[in-house]
Amino acid sequence: MNHDEVLALFDDRLRRNAPPDPGCRVERDGAVVRQTGPEHGWNGVVWSGLDEAGADAAIAAQVRHFAELGREFEWKAYSHDRPADLGDRLLAAGFTPEPAEALMIARIADLPTEAVLPEGVRLLPVTDPTGVDLLMAAHEQAFGTEYPGLRGRMLDQLRHGTGTVSMVVAMAGDRPVSGARMELAPGTGFAGLWGGGTAPEWRGRGIYRALVAHRARLAAELGYQYLQVDASDQSRPILQRLGFAWVSTTTPYVLRPERALPSVPTGGTGT
């Protein structure tokens, strides 16, 4: 797999020409592509092609757009985005950075697709609100925090059918111990892996690898060529061993409604 070529495909198909999430719309505002949706949906900037002269004005325009809606939003910046000081400009505009993650991509044909689970653990497809509750419980155990808007987003995806999402929870008896979802972008060749967290006492037994293999098999059956993951430091080494390549780094910069109203500088900030 040529890393530069697949990164260019990713930028073109999932960022510049991003397909909208269910119930959302994708809009182009000059050199910015953003998604606007309901409050519990993902609102944010998926791509920008900015230069030093116009970056601050473009940032200010997005702040105004989402402030008028009262929406928290995320500017999903990548290490290969321009200008090189985009992150500093977002900080100056009041955004809060979340932990950086590795953008990892693999050809599905190069990945294992057999889900090997520890004894006593089974995979349960998530197809209804009860399954979503089990998946949320697994996420909260794995990551130690609640995700208020995620449940509504997953329910929206289920209502729009399996063409946009596939979700699964790993059950040890009646207890959800891990869970993951795969967001599908029809027509792009890319499927995104999300979640994949495992309860602490169940880690190190291969459940995460099994969830990756399970989703890789489903994606292959649906005709997708690539899997994409925003990987934490914890999952990155596992994914690299499975065959994923680290092609960029992504940092979510978040602006919440109470911070979205102050004016944003329109001059260059520089570094």
Protein backbone atom coordinates (compact mmCIF):
# COMPACT_ATOMS: atom_id res chain seq x y z
CA MET A 1 0.00 0.00 0.00
CA ASN A 2 1.41 3.37 -1.01
CA HIS A 3 0.93 5.61 2.02
CA ASP A 4 0.87 8.91 0.10
CA GLU A 5 -1.66 7.61 -2.41
CA VAL A 6 -4.02 6.20 0.19
CA LEU A 7 -3.81 9.41 2.27
CA ALA A 8 -4.71 11.42 -0.85
CA LEU A 9 -7.70 9.09 -1.41
CA PHE A 10 -8.76 9.53 2.20
CA ASP A 11 -8.58 13.31 1.95
CA ASP A 12 -10.52 13.37 -1.30
CA ARG A 13 -13.27 10.87 -0.50
CA LEU A 14 -13.84 11.30 3.23
CA ARG A 15 -12.89 14.95 3.73
CA ARG A 16 -13.19 17.18 0.63
CA ASN A 17 -16.20 15.18 -0.59
CA ALA A 18 -17.38 13.94 2.79
CA PRO A 19 -20.66 12.01 2.78
CA PRO A 20 -23.03 13.30 5.50
CA ASP A 21 -23.94 11.31 8.59
CA PRO A 22 -27.64 10.35 8.79
CA GLY A 23 -29.79 13.38 9.53
CA CYS A 24 -26.92 15.79 8.83
CA ARG A 25 -25.82 17.91 5.89
CA VAL A 26 -22.36 18.59 4.52
CA GLU A 27 -21.71 22.17 3.43
CA ARG A 28 -18.82 23.86 1.63
CA ASP A 29 -17.96 27.34 2.85
CA GLY A 30 -15.11 28.60 0.71
CA ALA A 31 -12.09 26.42 1.49
CA VAL A 32 -13.85 24.70 4.40
CA VAL A 33 -16.05 21.59 4.36
CA ARG A 34 -18.20 21.18 7.46
CA GLN A 35 -21.00 18.95 8.72
CA THR A 36 -24.03 20.48 10.42
CA GLY A 37 -26.52 18.28 12.19
CA PRO A 38 -28.72 17.87 15.27
CA GLU A 39 -27.38 18.63 18.72
CA HIS A 40 -26.55 14.99 19.47
CA GLY A 41 -24.94 14.53 16.05
CA TRP A 42 -21.36 15.24 15.07
CA ASN A 43 -20.97 18.89 14.12
CA GLY A 44 -17.67 20.11 12.81
CA VAL A 45 -15.10 20.82 10.14
CA VAL A 46 -13.94 17.76 8.23
CA TRP A 47 -11.59 19.44 5.74
CA SER A 48 -9.99 22.78 5.07
CA GLY A 49 -7.64 24.01 2.39
CA LEU A 50 -6.48 27.26 3.96
CA ASP A 51 -3.52 29.56 3.53
CA GLU A 52 -1.93 31.93 6.03
CA ALA A 53 -3.72 34.97 4.64
CA GLY A 54 -7.25 33.61 4.95
CA ALA A 55 -7.06 31.06 7.78
CA ASP A 56 -8.19 33.30 10.66
CA ALA A 57 -11.17 34.68 8.75
CA ALA A 58 -12.23 31.14 7.79
CA ILE A 59 -11.98 30.02 11.42
CA ALA A 60 -14.04 33.03 12.52
CA ALA A 61 -16.74 32.19 9.95
CA GLN A 62 -17.11 28.65 11.32
CA VAL A 63 -17.24 29.89 14.89
CA ARG A 64 -20.08 32.25 13.93
CA HIS A 65 -21.95 29.53 12.05
CA PHE A 66 -22.03 27.05 14.92
CA ALA A 67 -22.50 29.76 17.59
CA GLU A 68 -25.70 30.88 15.85
CA LEU A 69 -26.93 27.28 16.12
CA GLY A 70 -25.79 26.92 19.72
CA ARG A 71 -23.80 23.86 18.73
CA GLU A 72 -20.62 22.46 20.17
CA PHE A 73 -18.38 21.65 17.23
CA GLU A 74 -15.08 20.07 16.42
CA TRP A 75 -12.43 21.16 13.96
CA LYS A 76 -10.78 17.89 13.00
CA ALA A 77 -7.24 18.95 12.11
CA TYR A 78 -4.55 16.70 10.64
CA SER A 79 -0.78 17.03 10.82
CA HIS A 80 -0.58 17.38 7.03
CA ASP A 81 -3.16 20.21 6.90
CA ARG A 82 -2.13 23.75 6.04
CA PRO A 83 -1.20 26.29 7.17
CA ALA A 84 1.35 24.58 9.37
CA ASP A 85 0.26 26.64 12.38
CA LEU A 86 -3.46 25.78 12.03
CA GLY A 87 -3.52 24.28 15.52
CA ASP A 88 -2.09 27.44 17.06
CA ARG A 89 -4.69 29.54 15.27
CA LEU A 90 -7.49 27.32 16.58
CA LEU A 91 -6.12 27.64 20.11
CA ALA A 92 -6.06 31.43 19.72
CA ALA A 93 -9.70 31.30 18.65
CA GLY A 94 -10.71 29.57 21.89
CA PHE A 95 -10.73 25.92 20.86
CA THR A 96 -9.67 23.20 23.29
CA PRO A 97 -7.51 20.40 21.90
CA GLU A 98 -8.31 16.81 22.74
CA PRO A 99 -5.63 14.09 22.71
CA ALA A 100 -3.99 13.56 19.34
CA GLU A 101 -4.60 10.23 17.61
CA ALA A 102 -2.86 8.35 14.84
CA LEU A 103 -4.73 8.19 11.54
CA MET A 104 -4.23 4.57 10.54
CA ILE A 105 -5.36 2.93 7.30
CA ALA A 106 -5.14 -0.64 6.03
CA ARG A 107 -6.17 -2.50 2.92
CA ILE A 108 -8.82 -4.96 4.03
CA ALA A 109 -7.27 -7.61 1.79
CA ASP A 110 -4.15 -7.47 3.99
CA LEU A 111 -5.98 -7.95 7.31
CA PRO A 112 -7.02 -11.03 9.30
CA THR A 113 -10.79 -11.56 9.11
CA GLU A 114 -11.33 -14.44 11.52
CA ALA A 115 -12.61 -13.27 14.91
CA VAL A 116 -10.92 -15.46 17.54
CA LEU A 117 -12.56 -14.88 20.93
CA PRO A 118 -11.66 -16.10 24.42
CA GLU A 119 -13.74 -18.91 25.85
CA GLY A 120 -17.10 -17.74 27.16
CA VAL A 121 -17.23 -14.56 25.06
CA ARG A 122 -19.60 -14.13 22.12
CA LEU A 123 -20.33 -11.31 19.70
CA LEU A 124 -23.83 -9.85 19.68
CA PRO A 125 -24.87 -7.63 16.75
CA VAL A 126 -26.49 -4.38 17.86
CA THR A 127 -29.79 -3.94 16.05
CA ASP A 128 -32.13 -2.18 18.51
CA PRO A 129 -32.14 0.27 21.44
CA THR A 130 -31.46 -2.52 23.93
CA GLY A 131 -28.30 -3.40 22.04
CA VAL A 132 -27.29 0.26 21.96
CA ASP A 133 -27.63 0.36 25.76
CA LEU A 134 -25.33 -2.67 26.05
CA LEU A 135 -22.81 -1.00 23.75
CA MET A 136 -22.93 2.21 25.78
CA ALA A 137 -22.35 0.20 28.97
CA ALA A 138 -19.31 -1.45 27.36
CA HIS A 139 -17.92 1.93 26.30
CA GLU A 140 -18.37 3.42 29.76
CA GLN A 141 -16.53 0.48 31.36
CA ALA A 142 -13.73 0.67 28.80
CA PHE A 143 -13.16 4.42 28.75
CA GLY A 144 -14.35 5.39 32.22
CA THR A 145 -16.57 8.21 31.03
CA GLU A 146 -20.05 8.85 29.68
CA TYR A 147 -20.81 10.00 26.13
CA PRO A 148 -24.11 11.94 26.35
CA GLY A 149 -24.64 12.45 22.61
CA LEU A 150 -23.38 9.10 21.39
CA ARG A 151 -26.50 7.09 22.19
CA GLY A 152 -28.72 9.41 20.16
CA ARG A 153 -26.29 9.34 17.27
CA MET A 154 -26.19 5.54 17.23
CA LEU A 155 -29.98 5.33 17.38
CA ASP A 156 -30.17 7.70 14.40
CA GLN A 157 -27.77 5.46 12.49
CA LEU A 158 -29.86 2.38 13.25
CA ARG A 159 -33.00 4.13 12.07
CA HIS A 160 -31.30 4.77 8.72
CA GLY A 161 -30.43 1.08 8.32
CA THR A 162 -27.27 -0.98 8.09
CA GLY A 163 -25.98 0.94 5.07
CA THR A 164 -24.29 3.49 7.33
CA VAL A 165 -23.27 1.60 10.47
CA SER A 166 -22.53 -1.83 11.90
CA MET A 167 -22.31 -2.23 15.67
CA VAL A 168 -21.36 -5.17 17.85
CA VAL A 169 -20.91 -5.88 21.55
CA ALA A 170 -18.79 -8.64 23.09
CA MET A 171 -20.72 -10.42 25.84
CA ALA A 172 -19.27 -12.51 28.67
CA GLY A 173 -22.43 -14.19 29.85
CA ASP A 174 -24.88 -11.35 30.40
CA ARG A 175 -22.18 -8.71 30.81
CA PRO A 176 -21.03 -6.44 27.97
CA VAL A 177 -17.22 -6.36 28.19
CA SER A 178 -16.30 -4.72 24.89
CA GLY A 179 -17.99 -3.06 21.99
CA ALA A 180 -17.30 -1.40 18.69
CA ARG A 181 -18.92 0.11 15.66
CA MET A 182 -18.05 0.54 12.03
CA GLU A 183 -19.27 3.60 10.17
CA LEU A 184 -19.75 2.97 6.47
CA ALA A 185 -19.31 5.58 3.76
CA PRO A 186 -20.95 4.12 0.63
CA GLY A 187 -19.16 4.89 -2.59
CA THR A 188 -15.87 5.88 -0.95
CA GLY A 189 -14.18 2.49 -0.48
CA PHE A 190 -13.49 3.42 3.17
CA ALA A 191 -15.10 2.16 6.37
CA GLY A 192 -14.20 3.69 9.73
CA LEU A 193 -13.60 1.74 12.93
CA TRP A 194 -14.76 3.42 16.14
CA GLY A 195 -14.95 2.37 19.78
CA GLY A 196 -13.27 -0.95 20.31
CA GLY A 197 -12.74 -0.39 24.02
CA THR A 198 -12.58 -3.33 26.43
CA ALA A 199 -13.27 -3.45 30.17
CA PRO A 200 -9.92 -3.34 32.03
CA GLU A 201 -10.13 -6.84 33.51
CA TRP A 202 -10.81 -8.34 30.06
CA ARG A 203 -7.90 -6.72 28.25
CA GLY A 204 -5.01 -8.74 26.89
CA ARG A 205 -7.21 -11.65 25.78
CA GLY A 206 -7.58 -10.76 22.11
CA ILE A 207 -11.07 -9.23 22.18
CA TYR A 208 -9.95 -5.99 20.52
CA ARG A 209 -8.21 -7.92 17.73
CA ALA A 210 -11.32 -10.06 17.29
CA LEU A 211 -13.52 -6.98 16.94
CA VAL A 212 -11.19 -5.59 14.26
CA ALA A 213 -11.25 -8.91 12.37
CA HIS A 214 -15.04 -9.14 12.66
CA ARG A 215 -15.52 -5.70 11.17
CA ALA A 216 -12.89 -6.28 8.48
CA ARG A 217 -14.80 -9.35 7.31
CA LEU A 218 -18.10 -7.45 7.19
CA ALA A 219 -16.51 -4.55 5.31
CA ALA A 220 -14.97 -6.93 2.77
CA GLU A 221 -18.35 -8.59 2.21
CA LEU A 222 -19.84 -5.15 1.54
CA GLY A 223 -17.19 -4.35 -1.05
CA TYR A 224 -15.03 -1.89 0.89
CA GLN A 225 -11.29 -1.73 0.19
CA TYR A 226 -9.91 0.18 3.20
CA LEU A 227 -10.39 0.46 6.95
CA GLN A 228 -9.57 3.72 8.73
CA VAL A 229 -9.02 4.22 12.46
CA ASP A 230 -8.24 7.23 14.65
CA ALA A 231 -6.06 5.26 17.06
CA SER A 232 -5.04 6.05 20.61
CA ASP A 233 -1.58 5.24 21.90
CA GLN A 234 -3.08 2.12 23.46
CA SER A 235 -4.59 0.69 20.28
CA ARG A 236 -1.98 1.91 17.78
CA PRO A 237 0.60 -0.85 18.45
CA ILE A 238 -2.06 -3.55 18.10
CA LEU A 239 -3.28 -2.10 14.82
CA GLN A 240 0.27 -1.82 13.47
CA ARG A 241 0.84 -5.50 14.22
CA LEU A 242 -2.37 -6.32 12.37
CA GLY A 243 -1.20 -4.45 9.26
CA PHE A 244 -2.43 -0.86 9.63
CA ALA A 245 -0.13 1.99 8.54
CA TRP A 246 0.21 5.27 10.43
CA VAL A 247 -0.28 7.87 7.68
CA SER A 248 -1.02 11.10 9.61
CA THR A 249 -1.96 12.42 13.05
CA THR A 250 -5.31 13.97 13.87
CA THR A 251 -6.18 16.32 16.71
CA PRO A 252 -9.78 17.27 17.51
CA TYR A 253 -10.12 20.93 18.47
CA VAL A 254 -13.44 21.49 20.26
CA LEU A 255 -15.39 24.71 20.80
CA ARG A 256 -18.39 24.57 23.11
CA PRO A 257 -21.32 27.00 22.83
CA GLU A 258 -20.37 29.01 25.92
CA ARG A 259 -16.97 29.66 24.34
CA ALA A 260 -18.21 30.20 20.81
CA LEU A 261 -19.46 33.76 21.09
CA PRO A 262 -16.29 35.86 21.74
CA SER A 263 -14.80 37.46 18.69
CA VAL A 264 -12.04 35.65 16.88
CA PRO A 265 -8.90 37.45 15.68
CA THR A 266 -8.85 37.99 11.94
CA GLY A 267 -5.16 38.85 11.62
CA GLY A 268 -2.37 36.31 11.26
CA THR A 269 -1.20 34.82 14.52
CA GLY A 270 1.99 33.13 13.34
CA THR A 271 4.36 31.09 15.50
